[in-house]
Amino acid sequence: MPTLQDHPTLNDFQRYVAELERERGFEEQTATDKCLLLGEEIGELYKAVRHAEGLKVDPSSRIGEVEHELADILIYLCAIANRYGVDLERAFRRKEVLNHQRHWVAAEQDESATAVQDSS
């Protein structure tokens, strides 16, 4: 059984997930399979957050813990990255360089919506 060291890097997580998949017989699943499974986990996260926030949920449905659903999402994210040979840490750092060049401003109202409001 693979083990994950204390204070792992993203690369450590990716290696761990690859080892888990080999051990559990999931290495034949495609990137498409993993994306579909990731989508299901994201839905489970939404339901867990709804429950945690006190919103109505179907009590007969399975409601997981936010932390467990986030962990499942990380596992699938690593699995997808592994199938494409993406180093998540490097990808994250590269994307942040681009994000730091972006500028964030408040959205302005659409002029046509303003004109309709002014005429009422």
N, C-alpha and C. Protein backbone atom coordinates (compact mmCIF):
# COMPACT_ATOMS: atom_id res chain seq x y z
N MET A 1 0.84 -1.18 0.00
CA MET A 1 0.00 0.00 0.00
C MET A 1 0.89 1.24 0.00
N PRO A 2 0.63 2.17 -0.94
CA PRO A 2 1.43 3.39 -0.98
C PRO A 2 1.21 4.25 0.27
N THR A 3 2.20 5.01 0.60
CA THR A 3 2.06 5.94 1.72
C THR A 3 2.39 7.34 1.25
N LEU A 4 1.79 8.30 1.90
CA LEU A 4 2.03 9.70 1.58
C LEU A 4 2.78 10.31 2.75
N GLN A 5 3.92 10.90 2.46
CA GLN A 5 4.75 11.49 3.51
C GLN A 5 4.07 12.70 4.13
N ASP A 6 4.53 13.10 5.29
CA ASP A 6 4.04 14.32 5.92
C ASP A 6 4.47 15.52 5.07
N HIS A 7 3.62 16.53 5.00
CA HIS A 7 3.88 17.77 4.27
C HIS A 7 4.24 17.50 2.80
N PRO A 8 3.37 16.80 2.09
CA PRO A 8 3.67 16.46 0.70
C PRO A 8 3.56 17.66 -0.24
N THR A 9 4.30 17.61 -1.32
CA THR A 9 4.18 18.59 -2.39
C THR A 9 3.08 18.11 -3.34
N LEU A 10 2.71 18.96 -4.28
CA LEU A 10 1.74 18.52 -5.29
C LEU A 10 2.29 17.33 -6.08
N ASN A 11 3.59 17.34 -6.35
CA ASN A 11 4.20 16.20 -7.05
C ASN A 11 4.07 14.92 -6.24
N ASP A 12 4.22 15.04 -4.92
CA ASP A 12 4.04 13.86 -4.05
C ASP A 12 2.62 13.33 -4.15
N PHE A 13 1.63 14.24 -4.16
CA PHE A 13 0.24 13.81 -4.31
C PHE A 13 0.05 13.09 -5.65
N GLN A 14 0.60 13.65 -6.71
CA GLN A 14 0.44 13.03 -8.02
C GLN A 14 1.06 11.64 -8.07
N ARG A 15 2.23 11.48 -7.50
CA ARG A 15 2.86 10.15 -7.46
C ARG A 15 2.04 9.18 -6.62
N TYR A 16 1.55 9.65 -5.49
CA TYR A 16 0.74 8.82 -4.60
C TYR A 16 -0.52 8.35 -5.31
N VAL A 17 -1.21 9.25 -6.01
CA VAL A 17 -2.43 8.88 -6.72
C VAL A 17 -2.10 7.86 -7.81
N ALA A 18 -1.01 8.05 -8.52
CA ALA A 18 -0.62 7.08 -9.55
C ALA A 18 -0.40 5.70 -8.94
N GLU A 19 0.25 5.65 -7.80
CA GLU A 19 0.49 4.37 -7.12
C GLU A 19 -0.82 3.75 -6.64
N LEU A 20 -1.71 4.57 -6.09
CA LEU A 20 -3.02 4.07 -5.64
C LEU A 20 -3.81 3.49 -6.81
N GLU A 21 -3.78 4.18 -7.93
CA GLU A 21 -4.53 3.70 -9.10
C GLU A 21 -4.00 2.36 -9.59
N ARG A 22 -2.68 2.21 -9.60
CA ARG A 22 -2.10 0.92 -10.00
C ARG A 22 -2.54 -0.18 -9.03
N GLU A 23 -2.45 0.13 -7.74
CA GLU A 23 -2.81 -0.87 -6.72
C GLU A 23 -4.28 -1.26 -6.79
N ARG A 24 -5.14 -0.30 -7.07
CA ARG A 24 -6.59 -0.54 -7.06
C ARG A 24 -7.15 -0.92 -8.42
N GLY A 25 -6.30 -0.94 -9.45
CA GLY A 25 -6.74 -1.35 -10.77
C GLY A 25 -7.47 -0.28 -11.56
N PHE A 26 -7.19 0.99 -11.26
CA PHE A 26 -7.86 2.09 -11.95
C PHE A 26 -7.02 2.74 -13.04
N GLU A 27 -5.80 2.26 -13.27
CA GLU A 27 -4.92 2.92 -14.21
C GLU A 27 -5.40 2.84 -15.65
N GLU A 28 -6.35 1.94 -15.95
CA GLU A 28 -6.88 1.82 -17.31
C GLU A 28 -8.00 2.83 -17.58
N GLN A 29 -8.50 3.51 -16.55
CA GLN A 29 -9.54 4.51 -16.77
C GLN A 29 -8.95 5.67 -17.57
N THR A 30 -9.73 6.16 -18.52
CA THR A 30 -9.26 7.24 -19.38
C THR A 30 -9.42 8.60 -18.71
N ALA A 31 -8.86 9.61 -19.35
CA ALA A 31 -9.03 10.98 -18.85
C ALA A 31 -10.51 11.35 -18.87
N THR A 32 -11.23 10.89 -19.90
CA THR A 32 -12.67 11.16 -19.96
C THR A 32 -13.38 10.52 -18.78
N ASP A 33 -13.04 9.27 -18.47
CA ASP A 33 -13.62 8.60 -17.30
C ASP A 33 -13.38 9.43 -16.05
N LYS A 34 -12.15 9.87 -15.89
CA LYS A 34 -11.79 10.62 -14.69
C LYS A 34 -12.50 11.97 -14.64
N CYS A 35 -12.68 12.62 -15.79
CA CYS A 35 -13.40 13.89 -15.81
C CYS A 35 -14.86 13.70 -15.40
N LEU A 36 -15.48 12.63 -15.88
CA LEU A 36 -16.86 12.36 -15.48
C LEU A 36 -16.95 12.09 -13.98
N LEU A 37 -16.01 11.32 -13.46
CA LEU A 37 -16.00 11.05 -12.03
C LEU A 37 -15.73 12.33 -11.22
N LEU A 38 -14.86 13.18 -11.74
CA LEU A 38 -14.59 14.46 -11.08
C LEU A 38 -15.87 15.30 -11.03
N GLY A 39 -16.61 15.31 -12.12
CA GLY A 39 -17.87 16.05 -12.14
C GLY A 39 -18.84 15.56 -11.07
N GLU A 40 -18.92 14.25 -10.90
CA GLU A 40 -19.77 13.69 -9.84
C GLU A 40 -19.31 14.15 -8.47
N GLU A 41 -18.00 14.15 -8.26
CA GLU A 41 -17.47 14.58 -6.96
C GLU A 41 -17.74 16.06 -6.71
N ILE A 42 -17.68 16.87 -7.75
CA ILE A 42 -17.98 18.29 -7.58
C ILE A 42 -19.43 18.45 -7.16
N GLY A 43 -20.33 17.66 -7.77
CA GLY A 43 -21.73 17.69 -7.34
C GLY A 43 -21.88 17.29 -5.88
N GLU A 44 -21.12 16.29 -5.45
CA GLU A 44 -21.17 15.87 -4.05
C GLU A 44 -20.63 16.97 -3.13
N LEU A 45 -19.63 17.70 -3.59
CA LEU A 45 -19.13 18.84 -2.81
C LEU A 45 -20.21 19.90 -2.67
N TYR A 46 -20.90 20.20 -3.77
CA TYR A 46 -21.98 21.20 -3.70
C TYR A 46 -23.02 20.79 -2.67
N LYS A 47 -23.38 19.51 -2.68
CA LYS A 47 -24.39 19.04 -1.73
C LYS A 47 -23.87 19.15 -0.30
N ALA A 48 -22.61 18.81 -0.09
CA ALA A 48 -22.02 18.90 1.26
C ALA A 48 -21.98 20.35 1.73
N VAL A 49 -21.66 21.27 0.83
CA VAL A 49 -21.63 22.69 1.19
C VAL A 49 -23.05 23.18 1.49
N ARG A 50 -24.01 22.78 0.67
CA ARG A 50 -25.40 23.15 0.96
C ARG A 50 -25.79 22.70 2.36
N HIS A 51 -25.46 21.48 2.68
CA HIS A 51 -25.79 20.94 4.00
C HIS A 51 -25.07 21.73 5.10
N ALA A 52 -23.78 21.99 4.90
CA ALA A 52 -23.00 22.72 5.90
C ALA A 52 -23.52 24.14 6.09
N GLU A 53 -24.09 24.73 5.05
CA GLU A 53 -24.60 26.09 5.12
C GLU A 53 -26.05 26.14 5.59
N GLY A 54 -26.63 24.97 5.87
CA GLY A 54 -27.99 24.93 6.38
C GLY A 54 -29.07 25.07 5.33
N LEU A 55 -28.71 24.88 4.06
CA LEU A 55 -29.71 24.92 2.99
C LEU A 55 -30.44 23.58 2.93
N LYS A 56 -31.61 23.58 2.35
CA LYS A 56 -32.39 22.36 2.27
C LYS A 56 -31.71 21.33 1.37
N VAL A 57 -31.71 20.09 1.83
CA VAL A 57 -31.20 18.96 1.06
C VAL A 57 -32.16 17.79 1.25
N ASP A 58 -32.09 16.86 0.32
CA ASP A 58 -32.91 15.65 0.43
C ASP A 58 -32.29 14.76 1.50
N PRO A 59 -32.99 14.55 2.62
CA PRO A 59 -32.41 13.78 3.71
C PRO A 59 -32.17 12.31 3.36
N SER A 60 -32.82 11.82 2.30
CA SER A 60 -32.61 10.41 1.91
C SER A 60 -31.38 10.24 1.02
N SER A 61 -30.79 11.36 0.56
CA SER A 61 -29.59 11.25 -0.29
C SER A 61 -28.34 11.21 0.58
N ARG A 62 -27.29 10.68 -0.01
CA ARG A 62 -26.02 10.61 0.70
C ARG A 62 -25.39 12.00 0.72
N ILE A 63 -25.04 12.46 1.90
CA ILE A 63 -24.41 13.76 2.05
C ILE A 63 -23.07 13.56 2.72
N GLY A 64 -22.01 13.84 1.99
CA GLY A 64 -20.67 13.66 2.51
C GLY A 64 -20.20 14.87 3.30
N GLU A 65 -19.00 14.76 3.79
CA GLU A 65 -18.35 15.87 4.50
C GLU A 65 -17.59 16.72 3.49
N VAL A 66 -17.59 18.02 3.68
CA VAL A 66 -16.90 18.92 2.77
C VAL A 66 -15.45 18.48 2.60
N GLU A 67 -14.77 18.18 3.69
CA GLU A 67 -13.35 17.82 3.59
C GLU A 67 -13.13 16.53 2.80
N HIS A 68 -14.03 15.57 2.92
CA HIS A 68 -13.89 14.32 2.17
C HIS A 68 -14.12 14.55 0.68
N GLU A 69 -15.10 15.38 0.37
CA GLU A 69 -15.39 15.65 -1.04
C GLU A 69 -14.25 16.44 -1.68
N LEU A 70 -13.67 17.38 -0.95
CA LEU A 70 -12.51 18.11 -1.47
C LEU A 70 -11.34 17.17 -1.71
N ALA A 71 -11.13 16.22 -0.81
CA ALA A 71 -10.05 15.25 -0.99
C ALA A 71 -10.30 14.39 -2.23
N ASP A 72 -11.55 13.96 -2.44
CA ASP A 72 -11.87 13.18 -3.64
C ASP A 72 -11.58 13.98 -4.90
N ILE A 73 -11.92 15.27 -4.88
CA ILE A 73 -11.67 16.13 -6.03
C ILE A 73 -10.18 16.24 -6.30
N LEU A 74 -9.38 16.39 -5.25
CA LEU A 74 -7.93 16.46 -5.41
C LEU A 74 -7.40 15.16 -6.03
N ILE A 75 -7.91 14.03 -5.60
CA ILE A 75 -7.48 12.74 -6.14
C ILE A 75 -7.76 12.68 -7.65
N TYR A 76 -8.99 13.04 -8.05
CA TYR A 76 -9.32 13.00 -9.47
C TYR A 76 -8.54 14.04 -10.27
N LEU A 77 -8.31 15.21 -9.69
CA LEU A 77 -7.52 16.23 -10.36
C LEU A 77 -6.10 15.71 -10.63
N CYS A 78 -5.52 15.07 -9.63
CA CYS A 78 -4.18 14.49 -9.81
C CYS A 78 -4.20 13.40 -10.87
N ALA A 79 -5.23 12.57 -10.86
CA ALA A 79 -5.33 11.48 -11.84
C ALA A 79 -5.43 12.03 -13.26
N ILE A 80 -6.21 13.08 -13.44
CA ILE A 80 -6.34 13.68 -14.78
C ILE A 80 -5.01 14.29 -15.20
N ALA A 81 -4.38 15.03 -14.30
CA ALA A 81 -3.07 15.63 -14.60
C ALA A 81 -2.07 14.55 -14.98
N ASN A 82 -2.07 13.43 -14.27
CA ASN A 82 -1.15 12.34 -14.56
C ASN A 82 -1.37 11.79 -15.96
N ARG A 83 -2.62 11.69 -16.39
CA ARG A 83 -2.91 11.14 -17.71
C ARG A 83 -2.40 12.04 -18.83
N TYR A 84 -2.28 13.33 -18.55
CA TYR A 84 -1.79 14.28 -19.55
C TYR A 84 -0.34 14.69 -19.31
N GLY A 85 0.29 14.09 -18.32
CA GLY A 85 1.69 14.42 -18.04
C GLY A 85 1.87 15.85 -17.54
N VAL A 86 0.86 16.37 -16.85
CA VAL A 86 0.92 17.74 -16.34
C VAL A 86 1.47 17.73 -14.92
N ASP A 87 2.50 18.50 -14.70
CA ASP A 87 3.04 18.73 -13.37
C ASP A 87 2.20 19.85 -12.76
N LEU A 88 1.32 19.50 -11.83
CA LEU A 88 0.37 20.47 -11.29
C LEU A 88 1.05 21.66 -10.62
N GLU A 89 2.14 21.41 -9.91
CA GLU A 89 2.82 22.53 -9.26
C GLU A 89 3.35 23.52 -10.29
N ARG A 90 4.00 23.00 -11.32
CA ARG A 90 4.53 23.87 -12.38
C ARG A 90 3.39 24.59 -13.09
N ALA A 91 2.31 23.86 -13.39
CA ALA A 91 1.15 24.46 -14.06
C ALA A 91 0.55 25.57 -13.21
N PHE A 92 0.44 25.32 -11.90
CA PHE A 92 -0.10 26.33 -10.98
C PHE A 92 0.76 27.58 -10.99
N ARG A 93 2.06 27.40 -10.89
CA ARG A 93 2.97 28.55 -10.86
C ARG A 93 2.90 29.34 -12.17
N ARG A 94 2.87 28.62 -13.30
CA ARG A 94 2.79 29.29 -14.60
C ARG A 94 1.48 30.07 -14.73
N LYS A 95 0.40 29.48 -14.30
CA LYS A 95 -0.91 30.14 -14.39
C LYS A 95 -0.95 31.38 -13.50
N GLU A 96 -0.34 31.29 -12.33
CA GLU A 96 -0.32 32.45 -11.43
C GLU A 96 0.47 33.61 -12.01
N VAL A 97 1.52 33.33 -12.79
CA VAL A 97 2.25 34.41 -13.46
C VAL A 97 1.27 35.15 -14.38
N LEU A 98 0.45 34.42 -15.11
CA LEU A 98 -0.54 35.04 -15.99
C LEU A 98 -1.61 35.77 -15.18
N ASN A 99 -2.07 35.14 -14.10
CA ASN A 99 -3.10 35.77 -13.27
C ASN A 99 -2.62 37.08 -12.65
N HIS A 100 -1.35 37.17 -12.31
CA HIS A 100 -0.81 38.40 -11.72
C HIS A 100 -0.81 39.55 -12.71
N GLN A 101 -0.91 39.25 -14.00
CA GLN A 101 -0.94 40.29 -15.02
C GLN A 101 -2.36 40.78 -15.28
N ARG A 102 -3.35 40.10 -14.74
CA ARG A 102 -4.74 40.47 -14.95
C ARG A 102 -5.15 41.58 -13.99
N HIS A 103 -6.17 42.31 -14.38
CA HIS A 103 -6.70 43.39 -13.54
C HIS A 103 -8.16 43.08 -13.25
N TRP A 104 -8.56 43.25 -12.02
CA TRP A 104 -9.91 42.93 -11.60
C TRP A 104 -10.64 44.22 -11.26
N VAL A 105 -11.78 44.42 -11.88
CA VAL A 105 -12.60 45.60 -11.60
C VAL A 105 -14.03 45.15 -11.38
N ALA A 106 -14.79 46.01 -10.72
CA ALA A 106 -16.21 45.71 -10.50
C ALA A 106 -16.94 45.78 -11.83
N ALA A 107 -17.92 44.90 -12.01
CA ALA A 107 -18.70 44.90 -13.23
C ALA A 107 -19.56 46.16 -13.28
N GLU A 108 -19.64 46.76 -14.46
CA GLU A 108 -20.48 47.93 -14.64
C GLU A 108 -21.82 47.49 -15.20
N GLN A 109 -22.86 48.26 -14.88
CA GLN A 109 -24.18 47.94 -15.40
C GLN A 109 -24.21 48.14 -16.90
N ASP A 110 -24.93 47.29 -17.57
CA ASP A 110 -25.14 47.40 -19.01
C ASP A 110 -25.91 48.69 -19.27
N GLU A 111 -25.46 49.50 -20.25
CA GLU A 111 -26.10 50.79 -20.55
C GLU A 111 -27.57 50.62 -20.90
N SER A 112 -27.94 49.58 -21.65
CA SER A 112 -29.33 49.39 -22.04
C SER A 112 -30.20 49.10 -20.82
N ALA A 113 -29.66 48.39 -19.85
CA ALA A 113 -30.41 48.12 -18.62
C ALA A 113 -30.61 49.42 -17.83
N THR A 114 -29.60 50.28 -17.86
CA THR A 114 -29.71 51.56 -17.17
C THR A 114 -30.77 52.43 -17.83
N ALA A 115 -30.81 52.42 -19.17
CA ALA A 115 -31.79 53.23 -19.89
C ALA A 115 -33.20 52.77 -19.56
N VAL A 116 -33.43 51.47 -19.47
CA VAL A 116 -34.76 50.93 -19.13
C VAL A 116 -35.13 51.34 -17.72
N GLN A 117 -34.19 51.29 -16.80
CA GLN A 117 -34.46 51.68 -15.42
C GLN A 117 -34.78 53.17 -15.33
N ASP A 118 -34.09 54.00 -16.10
CA ASP A 118 -34.29 55.44 -16.07
C ASP A 118 -35.68 55.82 -16.62
N SER A 119 -36.19 55.03 -17.59
CA SER A 119 -37.47 55.37 -18.19
C SER A 119 -38.65 54.91 -17.37
N SER A 120 -38.44 54.11 -16.34
CA SER A 120 -39.57 53.64 -15.54
C SER A 120 -39.97 54.59 -14.47
